[in-house]
Amino acid sequence: MSQSYELKAETRERVGKGSSRELRRNGLIPAVIYGDKQPPLSIALSTKDVTMKIHAGGFMTTVATIDVNGEKIRVLPKDYQLDPVRDFTMHVDFLRVSKGSQVSVQVPVHFENEEKSPGLKRGGALNIVRHDVELNVSADSIPEFLTVDLTGLNIGDTVHISDIKLPAGATPVIADRDFTVATITGRAQEAEETEETEGEAEA
């Protein structure tokens, strides 16, 4: 889990496109905190601070504290919008989380030990079916990423969600099947021919 951090914010009295444009001109981002059976809270955050956190990685999987005029609120970022042209942050949605809250979150999948995969060594390709997996997990145990070890995988092998170690208490949101995360693809005939050629060379 990424290290938590704190952001300072102020409440927004006015909402709407006009006030949002004014905030952005002043270096602030409009945002909303919702959930935990409380009314939504409209706030404004420093554009610079939020953009730095987004670019640092792990933004959507890290519980943060927002100091709203002295009140500390624990939150998990649930969505953010970027300007399609200028690539700066336009808006952020935060979910309130309390101790032990269960949340659903998209967790990135990382792959390691590609050099130890016989299938990839023989010219196969890693076909990533899911770059991230949605988990139901405690807000205090969100992993920064899930790891797939490719050691020993050959052409035709498949990595299912059951092959990945999840944090204690975490379960995939898709619970009705052992879904595929990645496969090692390649033409089986070419692989067989490669084996035969290698065998002849050794003989």
Protein backbone atom coordinates (compact mmCIF):
# COMPACT_ATOMS: atom_id res chain seq x y z
CA MET A 1 0.00 0.00 0.00
CA SER A 2 1.30 3.46 -0.88
CA GLN A 3 2.09 5.85 1.96
CA SER A 4 -0.84 8.04 2.94
CA TYR A 5 -0.66 11.79 2.50
CA GLU A 6 -2.61 14.91 3.41
CA LEU A 7 -4.09 17.66 1.26
CA LYS A 8 -5.44 20.98 2.44
CA ALA A 9 -8.80 22.13 1.07
CA GLU A 10 -11.43 24.80 1.52
CA THR A 11 -15.18 24.45 1.16
CA ARG A 12 -16.89 25.75 -1.96
CA GLU A 13 -20.00 27.81 -1.42
CA ARG A 14 -20.79 28.15 -5.12
CA VAL A 15 -20.86 25.30 -7.63
CA GLY A 16 -21.31 25.29 -11.40
CA LYS A 17 -19.22 25.92 -14.49
CA GLY A 18 -18.65 29.60 -13.79
CA SER A 19 -17.30 29.09 -10.28
CA SER A 20 -15.21 26.09 -11.46
CA ARG A 21 -13.56 28.23 -14.14
CA GLU A 22 -12.83 30.90 -11.56
CA LEU A 23 -11.25 28.32 -9.22
CA ARG A 24 -9.01 27.01 -12.00
CA ARG A 25 -7.86 30.53 -12.86
CA ASN A 26 -6.77 30.83 -9.22
CA GLY A 27 -4.79 27.57 -9.26
CA LEU A 28 -7.47 25.46 -7.58
CA ILE A 29 -9.40 22.31 -8.58
CA PRO A 30 -13.07 21.74 -7.74
CA ALA A 31 -13.68 18.41 -5.98
CA VAL A 32 -16.42 16.54 -4.14
CA ILE A 33 -16.27 14.27 -1.07
CA TYR A 34 -19.20 11.85 -0.85
CA GLY A 35 -20.27 8.59 0.80
CA ASP A 36 -20.34 7.20 4.36
CA LYS A 37 -24.04 8.17 4.61
CA GLN A 38 -23.20 11.88 4.72
CA PRO A 39 -24.20 14.67 2.31
CA PRO A 40 -21.70 15.48 -0.47
CA LEU A 41 -19.15 18.15 0.41
CA SER A 42 -17.92 20.51 -2.33
CA ILE A 43 -14.30 21.55 -1.85
CA ALA A 44 -11.42 23.22 -3.67
CA LEU A 45 -7.85 21.84 -3.71
CA SER A 46 -4.50 23.11 -4.95
CA THR A 47 -4.07 22.12 -8.62
CA LYS A 48 -0.31 21.78 -8.11
CA ASP A 49 -0.63 19.47 -5.07
CA VAL A 50 -3.20 17.16 -6.68
CA THR A 51 -1.38 16.96 -10.03
CA MET A 52 1.85 16.01 -8.23
CA LYS A 53 0.06 13.17 -6.42
CA ILE A 54 -1.54 11.88 -9.64
CA HIS A 55 1.79 11.86 -11.49
CA ALA A 56 3.57 10.18 -8.55
CA GLY A 57 1.52 7.02 -9.13
CA GLY A 58 -0.80 5.02 -6.89
CA PHE A 59 -3.27 7.93 -6.67
CA MET A 60 -6.39 5.76 -7.02
CA THR A 61 -5.20 3.11 -4.55
CA THR A 62 -3.99 5.33 -1.70
CA VAL A 63 -6.15 6.49 1.21
CA ALA A 64 -5.51 10.18 1.89
CA THR A 65 -6.53 12.73 4.51
CA ILE A 66 -8.12 15.98 3.41
CA ASP A 67 -7.96 18.87 5.87
CA VAL A 68 -11.11 20.90 5.18
CA ASN A 69 -10.87 24.06 7.25
CA GLY A 70 -9.38 22.06 10.15
CA GLU A 71 -11.63 18.99 9.82
CA LYS A 72 -9.64 15.86 8.86
CA ILE A 73 -11.52 13.57 6.47
CA ARG A 74 -10.12 10.19 5.31
CA VAL A 75 -10.85 9.63 1.63
CA LEU A 76 -10.05 7.41 -1.33
CA PRO A 77 -9.90 9.03 -4.81
CA LYS A 78 -12.57 7.41 -7.00
CA ASP A 79 -12.34 9.43 -10.21
CA TYR A 80 -10.63 12.41 -11.76
CA GLN A 81 -11.02 14.30 -15.03
CA LEU A 82 -8.19 15.68 -17.14
CA ASP A 83 -8.47 18.41 -19.74
CA PRO A 84 -8.26 16.48 -23.05
CA VAL A 85 -6.12 19.16 -24.68
CA ARG A 86 -3.91 20.60 -21.98
CA ASP A 87 -3.76 17.50 -19.73
CA PHE A 88 -4.30 19.33 -16.44
CA THR A 89 -6.64 18.10 -13.69
CA MET A 90 -10.20 19.42 -13.98
CA HIS A 91 -12.09 17.70 -11.15
CA VAL A 92 -11.69 14.98 -8.51
CA ASP A 93 -14.25 12.75 -6.74
CA PHE A 94 -13.32 11.40 -3.30
CA LEU A 95 -15.08 8.66 -1.30
CA ARG A 96 -15.19 9.02 2.49
CA VAL A 97 -13.68 6.00 4.21
CA SER A 98 -13.64 5.08 7.89
CA LYS A 99 -11.57 2.49 9.74
CA GLY A 100 -12.38 -0.93 8.29
CA SER A 101 -14.41 0.41 5.35
CA GLN A 102 -14.72 -2.04 2.46
CA VAL A 103 -14.19 -0.42 -0.94
CA SER A 104 -14.05 -1.53 -4.56
CA VAL A 105 -10.92 -0.34 -6.32
CA GLN A 106 -9.10 -0.96 -9.60
CA VAL A 107 -5.62 -2.30 -8.80
CA PRO A 108 -2.91 -2.34 -11.52
CA VAL A 109 -1.28 -5.66 -12.48
CA HIS A 110 2.52 -5.81 -12.75
CA PHE A 111 4.40 -8.65 -14.47
CA GLU A 112 7.85 -9.85 -13.42
CA ASN A 113 10.49 -12.42 -14.43
CA GLU A 114 9.75 -12.25 -18.17
CA GLU A 115 13.32 -13.45 -18.76
CA LYS A 116 12.48 -16.68 -16.85
CA SER A 117 9.52 -17.59 -19.08
CA PRO A 118 10.46 -20.34 -21.59
CA GLY A 119 7.53 -19.30 -23.80
CA LEU A 120 8.72 -15.70 -24.07
CA LYS A 121 12.30 -16.82 -24.63
CA ARG A 122 11.12 -18.89 -27.59
CA GLY A 123 9.47 -15.92 -29.25
CA GLY A 124 6.06 -16.04 -27.60
CA ALA A 125 4.27 -12.85 -26.61
CA LEU A 126 2.73 -11.74 -23.33
CA ASN A 127 -0.93 -11.03 -24.07
CA ILE A 128 -2.27 -8.91 -21.19
CA VAL A 129 -6.04 -9.38 -20.96
CA ARG A 130 -6.46 -7.20 -17.84
CA HIS A 131 -4.06 -4.37 -17.01
CA ASP A 132 -5.91 -3.92 -13.71
CA VAL A 133 -8.28 -5.96 -11.54
CA GLU A 134 -11.19 -4.61 -9.51
CA LEU A 135 -11.08 -5.82 -5.90
CA ASN A 136 -13.34 -5.60 -2.87
CA VAL A 137 -10.84 -4.83 -0.13
CA SER A 138 -10.45 -3.05 3.20
CA ALA A 139 -9.57 0.61 2.67
CA ASP A 140 -6.58 0.08 4.96
CA SER A 141 -5.20 -2.88 2.95
CA ILE A 142 -5.35 -1.68 -0.66
CA PRO A 143 -2.32 -3.02 -2.54
CA GLU A 144 -0.44 -0.60 -4.76
CA PHE A 145 -0.40 -3.31 -7.44
CA LEU A 146 -0.81 -7.07 -7.96
CA THR A 147 2.18 -9.13 -9.10
CA VAL A 148 2.21 -11.91 -11.70
CA ASP A 149 5.32 -14.10 -11.74
CA LEU A 150 5.97 -15.34 -15.30
CA THR A 151 8.66 -17.84 -14.23
CA GLY A 152 8.24 -21.17 -16.02
CA LEU A 153 5.31 -20.11 -18.22
CA ASN A 154 5.28 -21.54 -21.72
CA ILE A 155 3.42 -20.79 -24.95
CA GLY A 156 -0.24 -21.60 -24.41
CA ASP A 157 -0.12 -21.06 -20.63
CA THR A 158 -2.76 -18.85 -19.00
CA VAL A 159 -2.64 -16.75 -15.83
CA HIS A 160 -5.98 -16.75 -13.99
CA ILE A 161 -6.99 -14.54 -11.07
CA SER A 162 -6.64 -17.61 -8.81
CA ASP A 163 -2.92 -17.66 -9.67
CA ILE A 164 -2.37 -14.20 -8.15
CA LYS A 165 -1.82 -13.70 -4.43
CA LEU A 166 -4.34 -11.17 -3.08
CA PRO A 167 -4.16 -9.28 0.23
CA ALA A 168 -5.87 -10.94 3.19
CA GLY A 169 -9.62 -10.37 2.99
CA ALA A 170 -9.53 -9.10 -0.61
CA THR A 171 -11.80 -10.68 -3.22
CA PRO A 172 -12.26 -9.96 -6.94
CA VAL A 173 -15.44 -8.04 -7.79
CA ILE A 174 -15.97 -10.60 -10.58
CA ALA A 175 -16.70 -13.59 -8.36
CA ASP A 176 -18.55 -15.98 -10.67
CA ARG A 177 -15.54 -17.24 -12.66
CA ASP A 178 -11.79 -17.71 -12.54
CA PHE A 179 -11.12 -15.04 -15.15
CA THR A 180 -8.03 -14.73 -17.32
CA VAL A 181 -5.49 -11.98 -16.57
CA ALA A 182 -2.85 -12.82 -19.19
CA THR A 183 -1.71 -15.52 -21.63
CA ILE A 184 1.53 -16.47 -23.34
CA THR A 185 0.67 -16.59 -27.03
CA GLY A 186 2.57 -17.91 -30.00
CA ARG A 187 2.16 -20.37 -32.86
CA ALA A 188 2.40 -23.85 -31.40
CA GLN A 189 3.69 -25.27 -34.68
CA GLU A 190 6.60 -22.80 -34.71
CA ALA A 191 7.37 -23.70 -31.10
CA GLU A 192 7.42 -27.41 -31.97
CA GLU A 193 9.64 -26.78 -34.98
CA THR A 194 12.01 -24.78 -32.77
CA GLU A 195 12.21 -27.70 -30.34
CA GLU A 196 12.93 -30.15 -33.18
CA THR A 197 15.64 -27.88 -34.60
CA GLU A 198 17.22 -27.52 -31.18
CA GLY A 199 17.10 -31.29 -30.74
CA GLU A 200 18.79 -31.89 -34.11
CA ALA A 201 21.47 -29.32 -33.31
CA GLU A 202 22.23 -31.04 -30.03
CA ALA A 203 22.37 -34.44 -31.77
